[in-house]
C-alpha cells in the first residue's frame, strides 16, 4: 500500500463535495494516508469559513466535517526547523511547507489542490 501525503485542500474537497472530489478520491484509492498534525485544524477552519459564508448549510457542513475520522489519516510530526527552512526556500507558507517536507521525508506522493504547493512539489529538492 503506497504512502500518500494528503493536504487540507484535498480532504476538504472530499468532505464538502467540491467539484474535484472524484479526481481526489481516485488519487487516494488504496493509499495509506499521512499528514502533519495540523490537518484537522485546517479542516476545522475550512468548515468554519464555509459555515460563515453559508449559515443555512451549517448543519450539513458540521456533519460533513465529522466524517474526517473515517479517512484514517495518520498524523505525523514534522521537523519545524526544517519545515521553516523549506518554506523560506520555496516561498510556501510554513503550513504548506509541512506537507511538502513530510512527502519528501517519506518519499511519498503529495495530493493537493493547492497550485503553489503542487508546483513546489514538482521541483526536485536541492
PDB file of N, CA and C in Angstrom:
ATOM      1  N   UNK A   1       0.852  -1.169   0.000  1.00  0.00           N
ATOM      2  CA  UNK A   1       0.000   0.000   0.000  1.00  0.00           C
ATOM      3  C   UNK A   1       0.900   1.235   0.000  1.00  0.00           C
ATOM      4  N   UNK A   2       0.792   2.067  -1.007  1.00  0.00           N
ATOM      5  CA  UNK A   2       1.655   3.249  -1.074  1.00  0.00           C
ATOM      6  C   UNK A   2       1.267   4.292  -0.020  1.00  0.00           C
ATOM      7  N   UNK A   3       2.281   4.996   0.456  1.00  0.00           N
ATOM      8  CA  UNK A   3       2.061   6.092   1.399  1.00  0.00           C
ATOM      9  C   UNK A   3       1.815   7.358   0.595  1.00  0.00           C
ATOM     10  N   UNK A   4       0.784   8.093   0.954  1.00  0.00           N
ATOM     11  CA  UNK A   4       0.434   9.347   0.286  1.00  0.00           C
ATOM     12  C   UNK A   4       0.217  10.425   1.330  1.00  0.00           C
ATOM     13  N   UNK A   5       0.902  11.544   1.144  1.00  0.00           N
ATOM     14  CA  UNK A   5       0.670  12.702   1.999  1.00  0.00           C
ATOM     15  C   UNK A   5      -0.498  13.469   1.395  1.00  0.00           C
ATOM     16  N   UNK A   6      -1.459  13.778   2.222  1.00  0.00           N
ATOM     17  CA  UNK A   6      -2.666  14.460   1.761  1.00  0.00           C
ATOM     18  C   UNK A   6      -2.818  15.762   2.529  1.00  0.00           C
ATOM     19  N   UNK A   7      -3.157  16.839   1.804  1.00  0.00           N
ATOM     20  CA  UNK A   7      -3.299  18.119   2.488  1.00  0.00           C
ATOM     21  C   UNK A   7      -4.769  18.467   2.691  1.00  0.00           C
ATOM     22  N   UNK A   8      -4.996  19.599   3.354  1.00  0.00           N
ATOM     23  CA  UNK A   8      -6.353  20.011   3.704  1.00  0.00           C
ATOM     24  C   UNK A   8      -7.215  20.282   2.479  1.00  0.00           C
ATOM     25  N   UNK A   9      -6.632  20.815   1.422  1.00  0.00           N
ATOM     26  CA  UNK A   9      -7.440  21.103   0.235  1.00  0.00           C
ATOM     27  C   UNK A   9      -8.024  19.835  -0.367  1.00  0.00           C
ATOM     28  N   UNK A  10      -7.251  18.767  -0.353  1.00  0.00           N
ATOM     29  CA  UNK A  10      -7.713  17.502  -0.923  1.00  0.00           C
ATOM     30  C   UNK A  10      -8.800  16.862  -0.054  1.00  0.00           C
ATOM     31  N   UNK A  11      -8.564  16.797   1.242  1.00  0.00           N
ATOM     32  CA  UNK A  11      -9.565  16.196   2.131  1.00  0.00           C
ATOM     33  C   UNK A  11     -10.819  17.058   2.179  1.00  0.00           C
ATOM     34  N   UNK A  12     -10.662  18.369   2.179  1.00  0.00           N
ATOM     35  CA  UNK A  12     -11.826  19.255   2.178  1.00  0.00           C
ATOM     36  C   UNK A  12     -12.677  19.046   0.934  1.00  0.00           C
ATOM     37  N   UNK A  13     -12.035  18.807  -0.195  1.00  0.00           N
ATOM     38  CA  UNK A  13     -12.792  18.550  -1.423  1.00  0.00           C
ATOM     39  C   UNK A  13     -13.683  17.326  -1.254  1.00  0.00           C
ATOM     40  N   UNK A  14     -13.161  16.314  -0.589  1.00  0.00           N
ATOM     41  CA  UNK A  14     -13.950  15.098  -0.352  1.00  0.00           C
ATOM     42  C   UNK A  14     -15.051  15.338   0.674  1.00  0.00           C
ATOM     43  N   UNK A  15     -14.701  15.953   1.786  1.00  0.00           N
ATOM     44  CA  UNK A  15     -15.672  16.158   2.859  1.00  0.00           C
ATOM     45  C   UNK A  15     -16.831  17.052   2.441  1.00  0.00           C
ATOM     46  N   UNK A  16     -16.508  18.109   1.721  1.00  0.00           N
ATOM     47  CA  UNK A  16     -17.507  19.121   1.434  1.00  0.00           C
ATOM     48  C   UNK A  16     -18.032  19.081   0.000  1.00  0.00           C
ATOM     49  N   UNK A  17     -17.770  17.977  -0.691  1.00  0.00           N
ATOM     50  CA  UNK A  17     -18.356  17.762  -2.007  1.00  0.00           C
ATOM     51  C   UNK A  17     -17.933  18.768  -3.061  1.00  0.00           C
ATOM     52  N   UNK A  18     -16.659  19.119  -3.063  1.00  0.00           N
ATOM     53  CA  UNK A  18     -16.153  20.063  -4.066  1.00  0.00           C
ATOM     54  C   UNK A  18     -16.092  19.364  -5.434  1.00  0.00           C
ATOM     55  N   UNK A  19     -16.078  20.146  -6.505  1.00  0.00           N
ATOM     56  CA  UNK A  19     -16.074  19.555  -7.859  1.00  0.00           C
ATOM     57  C   UNK A  19     -14.913  18.588  -8.115  1.00  0.00           C
ATOM     58  N   UNK A  20     -13.795  18.781  -7.439  1.00  0.00           N
ATOM     59  CA  UNK A  20     -12.613  17.938  -7.661  1.00  0.00           C
ATOM     60  C   UNK A  20     -12.634  16.649  -6.850  1.00  0.00           C
ATOM     61  N   UNK A  21     -13.696  16.399  -6.117  1.00  0.00           N
ATOM     62  CA  UNK A  21     -13.744  15.265  -5.187  1.00  0.00           C
ATOM     63  C   UNK A  21     -13.487  13.925  -5.866  1.00  0.00           C
ATOM     64  N   UNK A  22     -14.072  13.693  -7.019  1.00  0.00           N
ATOM     65  CA  UNK A  22     -13.880  12.398  -7.687  1.00  0.00           C
ATOM     66  C   UNK A  22     -12.427  12.181  -8.082  1.00  0.00           C
ATOM     67  N   UNK A  23     -11.790  13.206  -8.601  1.00  0.00           N
ATOM     68  CA  UNK A  23     -10.383  13.093  -9.002  1.00  0.00           C
ATOM     69  C   UNK A  23      -9.496  12.834  -7.780  1.00  0.00           C
ATOM     70  N   UNK A  24      -9.794  13.510  -6.680  1.00  0.00           N
ATOM     71  CA  UNK A  24      -9.019  13.304  -5.452  1.00  0.00           C
ATOM     72  C   UNK A  24      -9.234  11.889  -4.938  1.00  0.00           C
ATOM     73  N   UNK A  25     -10.470  11.427  -4.928  1.00  0.00           N
ATOM     74  CA  UNK A  25     -10.766  10.073  -4.455  1.00  0.00           C
ATOM     75  C   UNK A  25      -9.989   9.033  -5.257  1.00  0.00           C
ATOM     76  N   UNK A  26      -9.893   9.226  -6.549  1.00  0.00           N
ATOM     77  CA  UNK A  26      -9.149   8.293  -7.398  1.00  0.00           C
ATOM     78  C   UNK A  26      -7.665   8.289  -7.039  1.00  0.00           C
ATOM     79  N   UNK A  27      -7.121   9.457  -6.722  1.00  0.00           N
ATOM     80  CA  UNK A  27      -5.700   9.545  -6.356  1.00  0.00           C
ATOM     81  C   UNK A  27      -5.406   8.916  -5.000  1.00  0.00           C
ATOM     82  N   UNK A  28      -6.403   8.891  -4.133  1.00  0.00           N
ATOM     83  CA  UNK A  28      -6.191   8.379  -2.780  1.00  0.00           C
ATOM     84  C   UNK A  28      -6.574   6.912  -2.610  1.00  0.00           C
ATOM     85  N   UNK A  29      -7.158   6.340  -3.631  1.00  0.00           N
ATOM     86  CA  UNK A  29      -7.610   4.950  -3.537  1.00  0.00           C
ATOM     87  C   UNK A  29      -6.447   4.029  -3.186  1.00  0.00           C
ATOM     88  N   UNK A  30      -6.677   3.154  -2.239  1.00  0.00           N
ATOM     89  CA  UNK A  30      -5.706   2.138  -1.830  1.00  0.00           C
ATOM     90  C   UNK A  30      -4.387   2.707  -1.315  1.00  0.00           C
ATOM     91  N   UNK A  31      -4.414   3.899  -0.758  1.00  0.00           N
ATOM     92  CA  UNK A  31      -3.198   4.502  -0.223  1.00  0.00           C
ATOM     93  C   UNK A  31      -3.287   4.591   1.297  1.00  0.00           C
ATOM     94  N   UNK A  32      -2.134   4.555   1.931  1.00  0.00           N
ATOM     95  CA  UNK A  32      -2.039   4.841   3.360  1.00  0.00           C
ATOM     96  C   UNK A  32      -1.850   6.343   3.467  1.00  0.00           C
ATOM     97  N   UNK A  33      -2.815   7.031   4.066  1.00  0.00           N
ATOM     98  CA  UNK A  33      -2.808   8.482   4.110  1.00  0.00           C
ATOM     99  C   UNK A  33      -2.090   8.997   5.341  1.00  0.00           C
ATOM    100  N   UNK A  34      -1.190   9.959   5.128  1.00  0.00           N
ATOM    101  CA  UNK A  34      -0.483  10.598   6.226  1.00  0.00           C
ATOM    102  C   UNK A  34      -0.522  12.107   6.017  1.00  0.00           C
ATOM    103  N   UNK A  35      -0.386  12.838   7.112  1.00  0.00           N
ATOM    104  CA  UNK A  35      -0.397  14.298   7.059  1.00  0.00           C
ATOM    105  C   UNK A  35       0.217  14.842   8.342  1.00  0.00           C
ATOM    106  N   UNK A  36       0.682  16.087   8.291  1.00  0.00           N
ATOM    107  CA  UNK A  36       1.127  16.727   9.533  1.00  0.00           C
ATOM    108  C   UNK A  36      -0.048  16.868  10.499  1.00  0.00           C
ATOM    109  N   UNK A  37       0.254  16.998  11.767  1.00  0.00           N
ATOM    110  CA  UNK A  37      -0.775  17.102  12.787  1.00  0.00           C
ATOM    111  C   UNK A  37      -1.671  18.318  12.675  1.00  0.00           C
ATOM    112  N   UNK A  38      -1.306  19.267  11.825  1.00  0.00           N
ATOM    113  CA  UNK A  38      -2.140  20.453  11.669  1.00  0.00           C
ATOM    114  C   UNK A  38      -3.353  20.223  10.771  1.00  0.00           C
ATOM    115  N   UNK A  39      -3.425  19.101  10.089  1.00  0.00           N
ATOM    116  CA  UNK A  39      -4.523  18.846   9.149  1.00  0.00           C
ATOM    117  C   UNK A  39      -5.910  19.024   9.771  1.00  0.00           C
ATOM    118  N   UNK A  40      -6.223  18.445  10.918  1.00  0.00           N
ATOM    119  CA  UNK A  40      -7.575  18.628  11.460  1.00  0.00           C
ATOM    120  C   UNK A  40      -7.909  20.089  11.765  1.00  0.00           C
ATOM    121  N   UNK A  41      -6.918  20.855  12.184  1.00  0.00           N
ATOM    122  CA  UNK A  41      -7.146  22.279  12.451  1.00  0.00           C
ATOM    123  C   UNK A  41      -7.478  23.026  11.158  1.00  0.00           C
ATOM    124  N   UNK A  42      -6.736  22.701  10.101  1.00  0.00           N
ATOM    125  CA  UNK A  42      -7.016  23.340   8.815  1.00  0.00           C
ATOM    126  C   UNK A  42      -8.406  22.972   8.309  1.00  0.00           C
ATOM    127  N   UNK A  43      -8.790  21.720   8.471  1.00  0.00           N
ATOM    128  CA  UNK A  43     -10.121  21.300   8.026  1.00  0.00           C
ATOM    129  C   UNK A  43     -11.217  21.957   8.861  1.00  0.00           C
ATOM    130  N   UNK A  44     -10.973  22.085  10.158  1.00  0.00           N
ATOM    131  CA  UNK A  44     -11.946  22.777  11.012  1.00  0.00           C
ATOM    132  C   UNK A  44     -12.108  24.223  10.559  1.00  0.00           C
ATOM    133  N   UNK A  45     -11.025  24.859  10.166  1.00  0.00           N
ATOM    134  CA  UNK A  45     -11.092  26.235   9.708  1.00  0.00           C
ATOM    135  C   UNK A  45     -11.841  26.343   8.378  1.00  0.00           C
ATOM    136  N   UNK A  46     -11.629  25.389   7.484  1.00  0.00           N
ATOM    137  CA  UNK A  46     -12.382  25.370   6.226  1.00  0.00           C
ATOM    138  C   UNK A  46     -13.872  25.259   6.520  1.00  0.00           C
ATOM    139  N   UNK A  47     -14.221  24.367   7.443  1.00  0.00           N
ATOM    140  CA  UNK A  47     -15.621  24.189   7.819  1.00  0.00           C
ATOM    141  C   UNK A  47     -16.190  25.475   8.410  1.00  0.00           C
ATOM    142  N   UNK A  48     -15.423  26.124   9.261  1.00  0.00           N
ATOM    143  CA  UNK A  48     -15.862  27.373   9.881  1.00  0.00           C
ATOM    144  C   UNK A  48     -16.115  28.458   8.830  1.00  0.00           C
ATOM    145  N   UNK A  49     -15.187  28.617   7.912  1.00  0.00           N
ATOM    146  CA  UNK A  49     -15.331  29.638   6.863  1.00  0.00           C
ATOM    147  C   UNK A  49     -16.552  29.343   5.999  1.00  0.00           C
ATOM    148  N   UNK A  50     -16.710  28.075   5.607  1.00  0.00           N
ATOM    149  CA  UNK A  50     -17.876  27.709   4.796  1.00  0.00           C
ATOM    150  C   UNK A  50     -19.172  27.959   5.568  1.00  0.00           C
ATOM    151  N   UNK A  51     -19.171  27.669   6.864  1.00  0.00           N
ATOM    152  CA  UNK A  51     -20.361  27.875   7.696  1.00  0.00           C
ATOM    153  C   UNK A  51     -20.712  29.351   7.814  1.00  0.00           C
ATOM    154  N   UNK A  52     -19.694  30.175   7.891  1.00  0.00           N
ATOM    155  CA  UNK A  52     -19.942  31.616   7.972  1.00  0.00           C
ATOM    156  C   UNK A  52     -20.468  32.166   6.650  1.00  0.00           C
ATOM    157  N   UNK A  53     -19.953  31.641   5.551  1.00  0.00           N
ATOM    158  CA  UNK A  53     -20.402  32.110   4.239  1.00  0.00           C
ATOM    159  C   UNK A  53     -21.793  31.587   3.892  1.00  0.00           C
ATOM    160  N   UNK A  54     -22.102  30.409   4.395  1.00  0.00           N
ATOM    161  CA  UNK A  54     -23.378  29.751   4.076  1.00  0.00           C
ATOM    162  C   UNK A  54     -24.029  29.245   5.369  1.00  0.00           C
ATOM    163  N   UNK A  55     -24.518  30.151   6.217  1.00  0.00           N
ATOM    164  CA  UNK A  55     -25.070  29.726   7.507  1.00  0.00           C
ATOM    165  C   UNK A  55     -26.231  28.752   7.376  1.00  0.00           C
ATOM    166  N   UNK A  56     -26.942  28.809   6.288  1.00  0.00           N
ATOM    167  CA  UNK A  56     -28.052  27.882   6.074  1.00  0.00           C
ATOM    168  C   UNK A  56     -27.572  26.440   5.880  1.00  0.00           C
ATOM    169  N   UNK A  57     -26.279  26.254   5.595  1.00  0.00           N
ATOM    170  CA  UNK A  57     -25.713  24.919   5.391  1.00  0.00           C
ATOM    171  C   UNK A  57     -24.892  24.441   6.594  1.00  0.00           C
ATOM    172  N   UNK A  58     -24.958  25.199   7.678  1.00  0.00           N
ATOM    173  CA  UNK A  58     -24.105  24.900   8.830  1.00  0.00           C
ATOM    174  C   UNK A  58     -24.235  23.454   9.319  1.00  0.00           C
ATOM    175  N   UNK A  59     -25.440  22.978   9.487  1.00  0.00           N
ATOM    176  CA  UNK A  59     -25.635  21.608   9.996  1.00  0.00           C
ATOM    177  C   UNK A  59     -25.020  20.577   9.056  1.00  0.00           C
ATOM    178  N   UNK A  60     -25.228  20.741   7.771  1.00  0.00           N
ATOM    179  CA  UNK A  60     -24.672  19.801   6.791  1.00  0.00           C
ATOM    180  C   UNK A  60     -23.147  19.870   6.771  1.00  0.00           C
ATOM    181  N   UNK A  61     -22.603  21.073   6.887  1.00  0.00           N
ATOM    182  CA  UNK A  61     -21.154  21.223   6.891  1.00  0.00           C
ATOM    183  C   UNK A  61     -20.534  20.593   8.134  1.00  0.00           C
ATOM    184  N   UNK A  62     -21.164  20.790   9.276  1.00  0.00           N
ATOM    185  CA  UNK A  62     -20.667  20.181  10.515  1.00  0.00           C
ATOM    186  C   UNK A  62     -20.733  18.655  10.434  1.00  0.00           C
ATOM    187  N   UNK A  63     -21.808  18.143   9.859  1.00  0.00           N
ATOM    188  CA  UNK A  63     -21.930  16.692   9.683  1.00  0.00           C
ATOM    189  C   UNK A  63     -20.843  16.168   8.749  1.00  0.00           C
ATOM    190  N   UNK A  64     -20.556  16.909   7.693  1.00  0.00           N
ATOM    191  CA  UNK A  64     -19.510  16.504   6.753  1.00  0.00           C
ATOM    192  C   UNK A  64     -18.145  16.509   7.444  1.00  0.00           C
ATOM    193  N   UNK A  65     -17.902  17.519   8.262  1.00  0.00           N
ATOM    194  CA  UNK A  65     -16.632  17.597   8.986  1.00  0.00           C
ATOM    195  C   UNK A  65     -16.438  16.381   9.886  1.00  0.00           C
ATOM    196  N   UNK A  66     -17.516  15.879  10.470  1.00  0.00           N
ATOM    197  CA  UNK A  66     -17.433  14.712  11.352  1.00  0.00           C
ATOM    198  C   UNK A  66     -16.929  13.462  10.624  1.00  0.00           C
ATOM    199  N   UNK A  67     -17.045  13.450   9.307  1.00  0.00           N
ATOM    200  CA  UNK A  67     -16.617  12.289   8.523  1.00  0.00           C
ATOM    201  C   UNK A  67     -15.100  12.185   8.391  1.00  0.00           C
ATOM    202  N   UNK A  68     -14.380  13.226   8.804  1.00  0.00           N
ATOM    203  CA  UNK A  68     -12.920  13.217   8.673  1.00  0.00           C
ATOM    204  C   UNK A  68     -12.296  11.969   9.293  1.00  0.00           C
ATOM    205  N   UNK A  69     -12.779  11.568  10.451  1.00  0.00           N
ATOM    206  CA  UNK A  69     -12.192  10.416  11.144  1.00  0.00           C
ATOM    207  C   UNK A  69     -12.260   9.137  10.316  1.00  0.00           C
ATOM    208  N   UNK A  70     -13.214   9.046   9.418  1.00  0.00           N
ATOM    209  CA  UNK A  70     -13.348   7.842   8.593  1.00  0.00           C
ATOM    210  C   UNK A  70     -12.217   7.698   7.570  1.00  0.00           C
ATOM    211  N   UNK A  71     -11.479   8.765   7.331  1.00  0.00           N
ATOM    212  CA  UNK A  71     -10.371   8.696   6.380  1.00  0.00           C
ATOM    213  C   UNK A  71      -9.130   8.044   6.978  1.00  0.00           C
ATOM    214  N   UNK A  72      -9.079   7.907   8.283  1.00  0.00           N
ATOM    215  CA  UNK A  72      -7.947   7.270   8.967  1.00  0.00           C
ATOM    216  C   UNK A  72      -6.612   7.844   8.519  1.00  0.00           C
ATOM    217  N   UNK A  73      -6.519   9.159   8.527  1.00  0.00           N
ATOM    218  CA  UNK A  73      -5.262   9.820   8.166  1.00  0.00           C
ATOM    219  C   UNK A  73      -4.323   9.739   9.367  1.00  0.00           C
ATOM    220  N   UNK A  74      -3.150   9.203   9.142  1.00  0.00           N
ATOM    221  CA  UNK A  74      -2.145   9.120  10.192  1.00  0.00           C
ATOM    222  C   UNK A  74      -1.469  10.485  10.326  1.00  0.00           C
ATOM    223  N   UNK A  75      -1.533  11.056  11.503  1.00  0.00           N
ATOM    224  CA  UNK A  75      -0.923  12.354  11.737  1.00  0.00           C
ATOM    225  C   UNK A  75       0.514  12.141  12.200  1.00  0.00           C
ATOM    226  N   UNK A  76       1.440  12.787  11.489  1.00  0.00           N
ATOM    227  CA  UNK A  76       2.867  12.585  11.718  1.00  0.00           C
ATOM    228  C   UNK A  76       3.508  13.915  12.101  1.00  0.00           C
ATOM    229  N   UNK A  77       4.386  13.879  13.075  1.00  0.00           N
ATOM    230  CA  UNK A  77       5.108  15.088  13.486  1.00  0.00           C
ATOM    231  C   UNK A  77       6.116  15.468  12.409  1.00  0.00           C
ATOM    232  N   UNK A  78       6.282  16.763  12.222  1.00  0.00           N
ATOM    233  CA  UNK A  78       7.268  17.259  11.266  1.00  0.00           C
ATOM    234  C   UNK A  78       8.359  18.002  12.018  1.00  0.00           C
ATOM    235  N   UNK A  79       9.496  18.149  11.379  1.00  0.00           N
ATOM    236  CA  UNK A  79      10.592  18.928  11.946  1.00  0.00           C
ATOM    237  C   UNK A  79      10.303  20.391  11.615  1.00  0.00           C
ATOM    238  N   UNK A  80       9.981  21.170  12.629  1.00  0.00           N
ATOM    239  CA  UNK A  80       9.576  22.554  12.404  1.00  0.00           C
ATOM    240  C   UNK A  80      10.713  23.427  11.891  1.00  0.00           C
ATOM    241  N   UNK A  81      11.932  23.134  12.307  1.00  0.00           N
ATOM    242  CA  UNK A  81      13.077  23.916  11.831  1.00  0.00           C
ATOM    243  C   UNK A  81      13.302  23.666  10.337  1.00  0.00           C
ATOM    244  N   UNK A  82      13.260  22.406   9.939  1.00  0.00           N
ATOM    245  CA  UNK A  82      13.439  22.076   8.526  1.00  0.00           C
ATOM    246  C   UNK A  82      12.262  22.568   7.692  1.00  0.00           C
ATOM    247  N   UNK A  83      11.064  22.499   8.259  1.00  0.00           N
ATOM    248  CA  UNK A  83       9.882  22.997   7.561  1.00  0.00           C
ATOM    249  C   UNK A  83       9.980  24.496   7.329  1.00  0.00           C
ATOM    250  N   UNK A  84      10.454  25.213   8.320  1.00  0.00           N
ATOM    251  CA  UNK A  84      10.623  26.651   8.182  1.00  0.00           C
ATOM    252  C   UNK A  84      11.657  26.978   7.100  1.00  0.00           C
ATOM    253  N   UNK A  85      12.749  26.235   7.081  1.00  0.00           N
ATOM    254  CA  UNK A  85      13.769  26.439   6.048  1.00  0.00           C
ATOM    255  C   UNK A  85      13.199  26.135   4.669  1.00  0.00           C
ATOM    256  N   UNK A  86      12.406  25.082   4.564  1.00  0.00           N
ATOM    257  CA  UNK A  86      11.789  24.724   3.294  1.00  0.00           C
ATOM    258  C   UNK A  86      10.796  25.796   2.849  1.00  0.00           C
ATOM    259  N   UNK A  87      10.051  26.348   3.781  1.00  0.00           N
ATOM    260  CA  UNK A  87       9.123  27.438   3.455  1.00  0.00           C
ATOM    261  C   UNK A  87       9.886  28.629   2.906  1.00  0.00           C
ATOM    262  N   UNK A  88      10.997  28.951   3.533  1.00  0.00           N
ATOM    263  CA  UNK A  88      11.811  30.056   3.056  1.00  0.00           C
ATOM    264  C   UNK A  88      12.372  29.812   1.673  1.00  0.00           C
ATOM    265  N   UNK A  89      12.771  28.584   1.407  1.00  0.00           N
ATOM    266  CA  UNK A  89      13.365  28.247   0.110  1.00  0.00           C
ATOM    267  C   UNK A  89      12.342  28.174  -1.020  1.00  0.00           C
ATOM    268  N   UNK A  90      11.111  27.841  -0.684  1.00  0.00           N
ATOM    269  CA  UNK A  90      10.090  27.623  -1.725  1.00  0.00           C
ATOM    270  C   UNK A  90       9.090  28.754  -1.856  1.00  0.00           C
ATOM    271  N   UNK A  91       9.033  29.626  -0.853  1.00  0.00           N
ATOM    272  CA  UNK A  91       8.032  30.682  -0.859  1.00  0.00           C
ATOM    273  C   UNK A  91       6.668  30.225  -0.365  1.00  0.00           C
ATOM    274  N   UNK A  92       6.577  28.996   0.120  1.00  0.00           N
ATOM    275  CA  UNK A  92       5.331  28.472   0.679  1.00  0.00           C
ATOM    276  C   UNK A  92       5.120  29.013   2.087  1.00  0.00           C
ATOM    277  N   UNK A  93       3.895  28.891   2.576  1.00  0.00           N
ATOM    278  CA  UNK A  93       3.659  29.153   3.989  1.00  0.00           C
ATOM    279  C   UNK A  93       4.283  28.009   4.781  1.00  0.00           C
ATOM    280  N   UNK A  94       4.500  28.224   6.050  1.00  0.00           N
ATOM    281  CA  UNK A  94       5.026  27.153   6.896  1.00  0.00           C
ATOM    282  C   UNK A  94       4.041  25.983   6.935  1.00  0.00           C
ATOM    283  N   UNK A  95       2.744  26.302   6.896  1.00  0.00           N
ATOM    284  CA  UNK A  95       1.735  25.232   6.893  1.00  0.00           C
ATOM    285  C   UNK A  95       1.899  24.344   5.671  1.00  0.00           C
ATOM    286  N   UNK A  96       1.940  24.963   4.488  1.00  0.00           N
ATOM    287  CA  UNK A  96       2.064  24.186   3.259  1.00  0.00           C
ATOM    288  C   UNK A  96       3.408  23.473   3.176  1.00  0.00           C
ATOM    289  N   UNK A  97       4.450  24.127   3.643  1.00  0.00           N
ATOM    290  CA  UNK A  97       5.769  23.507   3.620  1.00  0.00           C
ATOM    291  C   UNK A  97       5.810  22.250   4.486  1.00  0.00           C
ATOM    292  N   UNK A  98       4.979  22.191   5.517  1.00  0.00           N
ATOM    293  CA  UNK A  98       4.975  20.993   6.363  1.00  0.00           C
ATOM    294  C   UNK A  98       4.499  19.766   5.581  1.00  0.00           C
ATOM    295  N   UNK A  99       3.552  19.945   4.684  1.00  0.00           N
ATOM    296  CA  UNK A  99       3.100  18.833   3.837  1.00  0.00           C
ATOM    297  C   UNK A  99       4.201  18.415   2.866  1.00  0.00           C
ATOM    298  N   UNK A 100       4.851  19.400   2.272  1.00  0.00           N
ATOM    299  CA  UNK A 100       5.929  19.106   1.324  1.00  0.00           C
ATOM    300  C   UNK A 100       7.096  18.438   2.028  1.00  0.00           C
ATOM    301  N   UNK A 101       7.467  18.946   3.189  1.00  0.00           N
ATOM    302  CA  UNK A 101       8.563  18.352   3.948  1.00  0.00           C
ATOM    303  C   UNK A 101       8.255  16.890   4.258  1.00  0.00           C
ATOM    304  N   UNK A 102       7.036  16.628   4.701  1.00  0.00           N
ATOM    305  CA  UNK A 102       6.661  15.267   5.053  1.00  0.00           C
ATOM    306  C   UNK A 102       6.703  14.348   3.835  1.00  0.00           C
ATOM    307  N   UNK A 103       6.196  14.816   2.715  1.00  0.00           N
ATOM    308  CA  UNK A 103       6.229  13.996   1.494  1.00  0.00           C
ATOM    309  C   UNK A 103       7.672  13.676   1.107  1.00  0.00           C
ATOM    310  N   UNK A 104       8.526  14.663   1.171  1.00  0.00           N
ATOM    311  CA  UNK A 104       9.939  14.435   0.829  1.00  0.00           C
ATOM    312  C   UNK A 104      10.599  13.505   1.827  1.00  0.00           C
ATOM    313  N   UNK A 105      10.296  13.685   3.101  1.00  0.00           N
ATOM    314  CA  UNK A 105      10.889  12.859   4.153  1.00  0.00           C
ATOM    315  C   UNK A 105      10.506  11.388   3.982  1.00  0.00           C
ATOM    316  N   UNK A 106       9.261  11.156   3.597  1.00  0.00           N
ATOM    317  CA  UNK A 106       8.763   9.782   3.452  1.00  0.00           C
ATOM    318  C   UNK A 106       8.954   9.220   2.053  1.00  0.00           C
ATOM    319  N   UNK A 107       9.391  10.050   1.120  1.00  0.00           N
ATOM    320  CA  UNK A 107       9.490   9.609  -0.277  1.00  0.00           C
ATOM    321  C   UNK A 107       8.123   9.281  -0.833  1.00  0.00           C
ATOM    322  N   UNK A 108       7.128  10.058  -0.400  1.00  0.00           N
ATOM    323  CA  UNK A 108       5.728   9.783  -0.745  1.00  0.00           C
ATOM    324  C   UNK A 108       5.211  10.810  -1.735  1.00  0.00           C
ATOM    325  N   UNK A 109       4.140  10.440  -2.411  1.00  0.00           N
ATOM    326  CA  UNK A 109       3.479  11.414  -3.271  1.00  0.00           C
ATOM    327  C   UNK A 109       2.666  12.365  -2.389  1.00  0.00           C
ATOM    328  N   UNK A 110       2.363  13.521  -2.940  1.00  0.00           N
ATOM    329  CA  UNK A 110       1.591  14.541  -2.239  1.00  0.00           C
ATOM    330  C   UNK A 110       0.356  14.839  -3.064  1.00  0.00           C
ATOM    331  N   UNK A 111      -0.807  14.722  -2.444  1.00  0.00           N
ATOM    332  CA  UNK A 111      -2.061  15.034  -3.130  1.00  0.00           C
ATOM    333  C   UNK A 111      -2.584  16.344  -2.573  1.00  0.00           C
ATOM    334  N   UNK A 112      -2.736  17.314  -3.453  1.00  0.00           N
ATOM    335  CA  UNK A 112      -3.172  18.651  -3.076  1.00  0.00           C
ATOM    336  C   UNK A 112      -3.891  19.306  -4.245  1.00  0.00           C
ATOM    337  N   UNK A 113      -4.753  20.247  -3.925  1.00  0.00           N
ATOM    338  CA  UNK A 113      -5.379  21.096  -4.942  1.00  0.00           C
ATOM    339  C   UNK A 113      -4.725  22.478  -4.953  1.00  0.00           C
ATOM    340  N   UNK A 114      -3.811  22.706  -4.030  1.00  0.00           N
ATOM    341  CA  UNK A 114      -3.124  23.986  -3.919  1.00  0.00           C
ATOM    342  C   UNK A 114      -2.077  24.088  -5.027  1.00  0.00           C
ATOM    343  N   UNK A 115      -2.248  25.039  -5.914  1.00  0.00           N
ATOM    344  CA  UNK A 115      -1.357  25.173  -7.072  1.00  0.00           C
ATOM    345  C   UNK A 115       0.083  25.491  -6.674  1.00  0.00           C
ATOM    346  N   UNK A 116       0.275  26.358  -5.680  1.00  0.00           N
ATOM    347  CA  UNK A 116       1.630  26.703  -5.250  1.00  0.00           C
ATOM    348  C   UNK A 116       2.333  25.498  -4.628  1.00  0.00           C
ATOM    349  N   UNK A 117       1.604  24.749  -3.828  1.00  0.00           N
ATOM    350  CA  UNK A 117       2.168  23.567  -3.194  1.00  0.00           C
ATOM    351  C   UNK A 117       2.492  22.499  -4.231  1.00  0.00           C
ATOM    352  N   UNK A 118       1.585  22.284  -5.169  1.00  0.00           N
ATOM    353  CA  UNK A 118       1.828  21.302  -6.237  1.00  0.00           C
ATOM    354  C   UNK A 118       3.044  21.682  -7.063  1.00  0.00           C
ATOM    355  N   UNK A 119       3.196  22.964  -7.355  1.00  0.00           N
ATOM    356  CA  UNK A 119       4.340  23.441  -8.136  1.00  0.00           C
ATOM    357  C   UNK A 119       5.640  23.200  -7.369  1.00  0.00           C
ATOM    358  N   UNK A 120       5.635  23.502  -6.066  1.00  0.00           N
ATOM    359  CA  UNK A 120       6.828  23.295  -5.246  1.00  0.00           C
ATOM    360  C   UNK A 120       7.164  21.808  -5.149  1.00  0.00           C
ATOM    361  N   UNK A 121       6.145  20.979  -5.113  1.00  0.00           N
ATOM    362  CA  UNK A 121       6.379  19.534  -5.017  1.00  0.00           C
ATOM    363  C   UNK A 121       7.019  19.011  -6.295  1.00  0.00           C
ATOM    364  N   UNK A 122       6.680  19.604  -7.419  1.00  0.00           N
ATOM    365  CA  UNK A 122       7.203  19.161  -8.711  1.00  0.00           C
ATOM    366  C   UNK A 122       8.686  19.487  -8.879  1.00  0.00           C
ATOM    367  N   UNK A 123       9.196  20.422  -8.088  1.00  0.00           N
ATOM    368  CA  UNK A 123      10.602  20.800  -8.157  1.00  0.00           C
ATOM    369  C   UNK A 123      11.408  19.857  -7.286  1.00  0.00           C
ATOM    370  N   UNK A 124      12.478  19.322  -7.848  1.00  0.00           N
ATOM    371  CA  UNK A 124      13.335  18.414  -7.079  1.00  0.00           C
ATOM    372  C   UNK A 124      13.992  19.145  -5.925  1.00  0.00           C
ATOM    373  N   UNK A 125      14.138  18.467  -4.791  1.00  0.00           N
ATOM    374  CA  UNK A 125      14.821  19.099  -3.655  1.00  0.00           C
ATOM    375  C   UNK A 125      16.287  19.312  -4.001  1.00  0.00           C
ATOM    376  N   UNK A 126      16.834  20.351  -3.415  1.00  0.00           N
ATOM    377  CA  UNK A 126      18.253  20.678  -3.690  1.00  0.00           C
ATOM    378  C   UNK A 126      19.181  19.824  -2.887  1.00  0.00           C
TER     379      UNK A 126
END
